[in-house]
């Protein structure tokens, strides 16, 4: 379960970072 939670946390961080980058590029 710990690995699953870590993956979700990393995915959330990457998703937020990607969203911010997209907004900045636009």
PDB file of N, CA and C in Angstrom:
ATOM      1  N   UNK A   1       0.838  -1.206   0.000  1.00  0.00           N
ATOM      2  CA  UNK A   1       0.000   0.000   0.000  1.00  0.00           C
ATOM      3  C   UNK A   1       0.874   1.258   0.000  1.00  0.00           C
ATOM      4  N   UNK A   2       1.994   1.198   0.706  1.00  0.00           N
ATOM      5  CA  UNK A   2       2.860   2.388   0.760  1.00  0.00           C
ATOM      6  C   UNK A   2       3.319   2.781  -0.638  1.00  0.00           C
ATOM      7  N   UNK A   3       3.712   1.781  -1.427  1.00  0.00           N
ATOM      8  CA  UNK A   3       4.184   2.090  -2.789  1.00  0.00           C
ATOM      9  C   UNK A   3       3.046   2.730  -3.588  1.00  0.00           C
ATOM     10  N   UNK A   4       1.831   2.201  -3.398  1.00  0.00           N
ATOM     11  CA  UNK A   4       0.676   2.732  -4.126  1.00  0.00           C
ATOM     12  C   UNK A   4       0.460   4.199  -3.772  1.00  0.00           C
ATOM     13  N   UNK A   5       0.535   4.514  -2.468  1.00  0.00           N
ATOM     14  CA  UNK A   5       0.340   5.907  -2.025  1.00  0.00           C
ATOM     15  C   UNK A   5       1.450   6.791  -2.576  1.00  0.00           C
ATOM     16  N   UNK A   6       2.674   6.275  -2.568  1.00  0.00           N
ATOM     17  CA  UNK A   6       3.810   7.073  -3.075  1.00  0.00           C
ATOM     18  C   UNK A   6       3.598   7.382  -4.549  1.00  0.00           C
ATOM     19  N   UNK A   7       3.145   6.385  -5.301  1.00  0.00           N
ATOM     20  CA  UNK A   7       2.925   6.587  -6.739  1.00  0.00           C
ATOM     21  C   UNK A   7       1.857   7.665  -6.949  1.00  0.00           C
ATOM     22  N   UNK A   8       0.787   7.595  -6.153  1.00  0.00           N
ATOM     23  CA  UNK A   8      -0.282   8.593  -6.286  1.00  0.00           C
ATOM     24  C   UNK A   8       0.262   9.981  -5.974  1.00  0.00           C
ATOM     25  N   UNK A   9       1.069  10.076  -4.921  1.00  0.00           N
ATOM     26  CA  UNK A   9       1.634  11.377  -4.529  1.00  0.00           C
ATOM     27  C   UNK A   9       2.515  11.924  -5.649  1.00  0.00           C
ATOM     28  N   UNK A  10       3.373  11.075  -6.192  1.00  0.00           N
ATOM     29  CA  UNK A  10       4.274  11.514  -7.272  1.00  0.00           C
ATOM     30  C   UNK A  10       3.458  11.910  -8.503  1.00  0.00           C
ATOM     31  N   UNK A  11       2.460  11.106  -8.828  1.00  0.00           N
ATOM     32  CA  UNK A  11       1.625  11.405  -9.996  1.00  0.00           C
ATOM     33  C   UNK A  11       0.925  12.750  -9.812  1.00  0.00           C
ATOM     34  N   UNK A  12       0.452  13.015  -8.594  1.00  0.00           N
ATOM     35  CA  UNK A  12      -0.235  14.288  -8.318  1.00  0.00           C
ATOM     36  C   UNK A  12       0.740  15.451  -8.493  1.00  0.00           C
ATOM     37  N   UNK A  13       1.949  15.295  -7.952  1.00  0.00           N
ATOM     38  CA  UNK A  13       2.950  16.369  -8.068  1.00  0.00           C
ATOM     39  C   UNK A  13       3.295  16.603  -9.530  1.00  0.00           C
ATOM     40  N   UNK A  14       3.505  15.525 -10.277  1.00  0.00           N
ATOM     41  CA  UNK A  14       3.866  15.658 -11.696  1.00  0.00           C
ATOM     42  C   UNK A  14       2.713  16.301 -12.465  1.00  0.00           C
ATOM     43  N   UNK A  15       1.486  15.885 -12.145  1.00  0.00           N
ATOM     44  CA  UNK A  15       0.316  16.441 -12.828  1.00  0.00           C
ATOM     45  C   UNK A  15       0.207  17.938 -12.576  1.00  0.00           C
ATOM     46  N   UNK A  16       0.374  18.347 -11.322  1.00  0.00           N
ATOM     47  CA  UNK A  16       0.300  19.776 -10.973  1.00  0.00           C
ATOM     48  C   UNK A  16       1.418  20.529 -11.687  1.00  0.00           C
ATOM     49  N   UNK A  17       2.629  19.989 -11.665  1.00  0.00           N
ATOM     50  CA  UNK A  17       3.769  20.645 -12.313  1.00  0.00           C
ATOM     51  C   UNK A  17       3.514  20.778 -13.805  1.00  0.00           C
ATOM     52  N   UNK A  18       3.011  19.719 -14.429  1.00  0.00           N
ATOM     53  CA  UNK A  18       2.747  19.763 -15.863  1.00  0.00           C
ATOM     54  C   UNK A  18       1.678  20.802 -16.181  1.00  0.00           C
ATOM     55  N   UNK A  19       0.639  20.865 -15.340  1.00  0.00           N
ATOM     56  CA  UNK A  19      -0.435  21.840 -15.562  1.00  0.00           C
ATOM     57  C   UNK A  19       0.109  23.258 -15.500  1.00  0.00           C
ATOM     58  N   UNK A  20       0.944  23.533 -14.506  1.00  0.00           N
ATOM     59  CA  UNK A  20       1.527  24.872 -14.360  1.00  0.00           C
ATOM     60  C   UNK A  20       2.395  25.198 -15.572  1.00  0.00           C
ATOM     61  N   UNK A  21       3.175  24.236 -16.030  1.00  0.00           N
ATOM     62  CA  UNK A  21       4.054  24.471 -17.190  1.00  0.00           C
ATOM     63  C   UNK A  21       3.204  24.793 -18.418  1.00  0.00           C
ATOM     64  N   UNK A  22       2.100  24.056 -18.590  1.00  0.00           N
ATOM     65  CA  UNK A  22       1.242  24.301 -19.749  1.00  0.00           C
ATOM     66  C   UNK A  22       0.679  25.717 -19.701  1.00  0.00           C
ATOM     67  N   UNK A  23       0.249  26.150 -18.508  1.00  0.00           N
ATOM     68  CA  UNK A  23      -0.316  27.501 -18.375  1.00  0.00           C
ATOM     69  C   UNK A  23       0.748  28.540 -18.695  1.00  0.00           C
ATOM     70  N   UNK A  24       1.961  28.297 -18.215  1.00  0.00           N
ATOM     71  CA  UNK A  24       3.053  29.255 -18.444  1.00  0.00           C
ATOM     72  C   UNK A  24       3.381  29.323 -19.938  1.00  0.00           C
ATOM     73  N   UNK A  25       3.412  28.161 -20.595  1.00  0.00           N
ATOM     74  CA  UNK A  25       3.747  28.139 -22.027  1.00  0.00           C
ATOM     75  C   UNK A  25       2.693  28.901 -22.822  1.00  0.00           C
ATOM     76  N   UNK A  26       1.435  28.730 -22.466  1.00  0.00           N
ATOM     77  CA  UNK A  26       0.359  29.414 -23.185  1.00  0.00           C
ATOM     78  C   UNK A  26       0.430  30.910 -22.893  1.00  0.00           C
TER      79      UNK A  26
END
